[in-house]
Amino acid sequence: MFSKSQSVYAEIVQKAWEDPQFKSELLANPTQAIEKATGHKFNLPEGKTLVVRDQTDESTVYKY
């Protein structure tokens, strides 16, 4: 069973796959896009920034 945060994450990813406009907004301003999509304030810990990367380009390799 998914936690609430996992369910929200899955919904956001699904919406980004299906809606190119939302995907653009998510990449440009993730916090604002998530708040708009969920209708809830998205609180990050102080001093933290949320970064969303488009990893659909198979010619790019991301290393963590």
N, C-alpha and C. Protein backbone atom coordinates (compact mmCIF):
# COMPACT_ATOMS: atom_id res chain seq x y z
N MET A 1 0.84 -1.18 0.00
CA MET A 1 0.00 0.00 0.00
C MET A 1 0.88 1.24 0.00
N PHE A 2 0.49 2.23 -0.79
CA PHE A 2 1.25 3.47 -0.88
C PHE A 2 0.91 4.41 0.27
N SER A 3 1.93 5.16 0.72
CA SER A 3 1.68 6.22 1.68
C SER A 3 1.07 7.39 0.91
N LYS A 4 0.55 8.36 1.63
CA LYS A 4 -0.06 9.52 0.99
C LYS A 4 0.96 10.24 0.10
N SER A 5 2.20 10.41 0.59
CA SER A 5 3.21 11.11 -0.20
C SER A 5 3.58 10.32 -1.45
N GLN A 6 3.62 8.99 -1.35
CA GLN A 6 3.91 8.17 -2.53
C GLN A 6 2.78 8.27 -3.56
N SER A 7 1.55 8.33 -3.09
CA SER A 7 0.41 8.47 -3.99
C SER A 7 0.44 9.82 -4.71
N VAL A 8 0.76 10.87 -3.97
CA VAL A 8 0.85 12.20 -4.57
C VAL A 8 1.97 12.22 -5.61
N TYR A 9 3.12 11.63 -5.26
CA TYR A 9 4.25 11.55 -6.20
C TYR A 9 3.81 10.84 -7.48
N ALA A 10 3.14 9.72 -7.35
CA ALA A 10 2.69 8.96 -8.52
C ALA A 10 1.72 9.77 -9.37
N GLU A 11 0.83 10.52 -8.73
CA GLU A 11 -0.12 11.36 -9.46
C GLU A 11 0.60 12.46 -10.23
N ILE A 12 1.60 13.07 -9.60
CA ILE A 12 2.36 14.15 -10.25
C ILE A 12 3.11 13.61 -11.47
N VAL A 13 3.76 12.46 -11.32
CA VAL A 13 4.50 11.86 -12.43
C VAL A 13 3.54 11.51 -13.56
N GLN A 14 2.41 10.91 -13.24
CA GLN A 14 1.42 10.55 -14.25
C GLN A 14 0.92 11.78 -15.00
N LYS A 15 0.63 12.83 -14.26
CA LYS A 15 0.14 14.07 -14.87
C LYS A 15 1.21 14.65 -15.80
N ALA A 16 2.47 14.60 -15.39
CA ALA A 16 3.56 15.12 -16.23
C ALA A 16 3.69 14.31 -17.53
N TRP A 17 3.47 13.00 -17.45
CA TRP A 17 3.52 12.17 -18.66
C TRP A 17 2.39 12.51 -19.61
N GLU A 18 1.23 12.80 -19.07
CA GLU A 18 0.03 12.99 -19.89
C GLU A 18 -0.19 14.42 -20.34
N ASP A 19 0.36 15.40 -19.64
CA ASP A 19 0.05 16.81 -19.89
C ASP A 19 1.34 17.61 -20.12
N PRO A 20 1.69 17.86 -21.38
CA PRO A 20 2.94 18.57 -21.69
C PRO A 20 3.02 19.96 -21.04
N GLN A 21 1.90 20.66 -20.93
CA GLN A 21 1.90 21.98 -20.29
C GLN A 21 2.26 21.86 -18.81
N PHE A 22 1.66 20.88 -18.13
CA PHE A 22 1.98 20.67 -16.72
C PHE A 22 3.45 20.28 -16.57
N LYS A 23 3.95 19.42 -17.46
CA LYS A 23 5.35 19.02 -17.40
C LYS A 23 6.26 20.23 -17.51
N SER A 24 5.97 21.14 -18.42
CA SER A 24 6.76 22.36 -18.56
C SER A 24 6.73 23.19 -17.29
N GLU A 25 5.54 23.33 -16.70
CA GLU A 25 5.41 24.09 -15.45
C GLU A 25 6.17 23.41 -14.32
N LEU A 26 6.10 22.09 -14.27
CA LEU A 26 6.77 21.32 -13.23
C LEU A 26 8.29 21.49 -13.32
N LEU A 27 8.82 21.47 -14.53
CA LEU A 27 10.25 21.65 -14.72
C LEU A 27 10.69 23.08 -14.38
N ALA A 28 9.86 24.06 -14.71
CA ALA A 28 10.21 25.46 -14.50
C ALA A 28 10.06 25.90 -13.05
N ASN A 29 8.99 25.45 -12.39
CA ASN A 29 8.72 25.86 -11.01
C ASN A 29 7.99 24.72 -10.31
N PRO A 30 8.74 23.72 -9.85
CA PRO A 30 8.11 22.51 -9.30
C PRO A 30 7.18 22.77 -8.11
N THR A 31 7.59 23.61 -7.18
CA THR A 31 6.77 23.85 -6.00
C THR A 31 5.42 24.43 -6.40
N GLN A 32 5.43 25.43 -7.24
CA GLN A 32 4.19 26.07 -7.68
C GLN A 32 3.32 25.10 -8.46
N ALA A 33 3.92 24.31 -9.35
CA ALA A 33 3.15 23.35 -10.15
C ALA A 33 2.50 22.28 -9.27
N ILE A 34 3.23 21.79 -8.28
CA ILE A 34 2.68 20.77 -7.38
C ILE A 34 1.54 21.36 -6.54
N GLU A 35 1.73 22.57 -6.04
CA GLU A 35 0.67 23.22 -5.26
C GLU A 35 -0.58 23.41 -6.11
N LYS A 36 -0.39 23.83 -7.35
CA LYS A 36 -1.53 24.05 -8.26
C LYS A 36 -2.24 22.72 -8.56
N ALA A 37 -1.48 21.67 -8.78
CA ALA A 37 -2.07 20.37 -9.12
C ALA A 37 -2.79 19.71 -7.95
N THR A 38 -2.24 19.88 -6.75
CA THR A 38 -2.81 19.21 -5.58
C THR A 38 -3.78 20.07 -4.79
N GLY A 39 -3.65 21.38 -4.95
CA GLY A 39 -4.48 22.29 -4.17
C GLY A 39 -4.01 22.44 -2.73
N HIS A 40 -2.79 21.98 -2.46
CA HIS A 40 -2.23 22.06 -1.10
C HIS A 40 -0.87 22.73 -1.13
N LYS A 41 -0.56 23.44 -0.06
CA LYS A 41 0.75 24.08 0.08
C LYS A 41 1.82 22.99 0.17
N PHE A 42 2.91 23.21 -0.52
CA PHE A 42 4.02 22.27 -0.53
C PHE A 42 5.13 22.88 0.31
N ASN A 43 5.38 22.31 1.46
CA ASN A 43 6.36 22.86 2.39
C ASN A 43 7.68 22.12 2.29
N LEU A 44 8.72 22.85 1.94
CA LEU A 44 10.08 22.31 1.94
C LEU A 44 10.77 22.77 3.22
N PRO A 45 11.69 21.97 3.73
CA PRO A 45 12.47 22.43 4.88
C PRO A 45 13.24 23.70 4.51
N GLU A 46 13.41 24.55 5.48
CA GLU A 46 14.11 25.82 5.25
C GLU A 46 15.49 25.56 4.65
N GLY A 47 15.82 26.34 3.62
CA GLY A 47 17.11 26.22 2.97
C GLY A 47 17.18 25.15 1.90
N LYS A 48 16.08 24.46 1.65
CA LYS A 48 16.05 23.39 0.63
C LYS A 48 15.34 23.87 -0.62
N THR A 49 15.75 23.34 -1.76
CA THR A 49 15.16 23.65 -3.05
C THR A 49 14.75 22.36 -3.73
N LEU A 50 13.58 22.35 -4.34
CA LEU A 50 13.11 21.19 -5.08
C LEU A 50 13.51 21.34 -6.55
N VAL A 51 14.18 20.34 -7.08
CA VAL A 51 14.59 20.34 -8.48
C VAL A 51 13.95 19.14 -9.16
N VAL A 52 13.29 19.39 -10.30
CA VAL A 52 12.69 18.33 -11.09
C VAL A 52 13.47 18.27 -12.40
N ARG A 53 13.90 17.08 -12.78
CA ARG A 53 14.66 16.91 -14.02
C ARG A 53 13.89 16.00 -14.97
N ASP A 54 13.93 16.36 -16.23
CA ASP A 54 13.33 15.54 -17.27
C ASP A 54 14.34 14.48 -17.66
N GLN A 55 14.08 13.26 -17.29
CA GLN A 55 15.01 12.17 -17.56
C GLN A 55 14.52 11.28 -18.70
N THR A 56 13.71 11.83 -19.59
CA THR A 56 13.19 11.04 -20.70
C THR A 56 14.14 11.00 -21.89
N ASP A 57 15.17 11.85 -21.91
CA ASP A 57 16.14 11.85 -22.99
C ASP A 57 17.15 10.73 -22.76
N GLU A 58 17.06 9.69 -23.57
CA GLU A 58 17.90 8.51 -23.38
C GLU A 58 19.37 8.77 -23.68
N SER A 59 19.70 9.93 -24.29
CA SER A 59 21.09 10.24 -24.58
C SER A 59 21.79 10.89 -23.39
N THR A 60 21.02 11.14 -22.32
CA THR A 60 21.58 11.75 -21.12
C THR A 60 21.60 10.73 -19.99
N VAL A 61 22.72 10.65 -19.29
CA VAL A 61 22.86 9.73 -18.16
C VAL A 61 22.96 10.56 -16.90
N TYR A 62 22.14 10.23 -15.90
CA TYR A 62 22.16 10.93 -14.62
C TYR A 62 22.82 10.04 -13.59
N LYS A 63 23.73 10.61 -12.83
CA LYS A 63 24.42 9.86 -11.80
C LYS A 63 24.10 10.54 -10.47
N TYR A 64 23.75 9.75 -9.50
CA TYR A 64 23.40 10.28 -8.19
C TYR A 64 24.45 9.91 -7.18
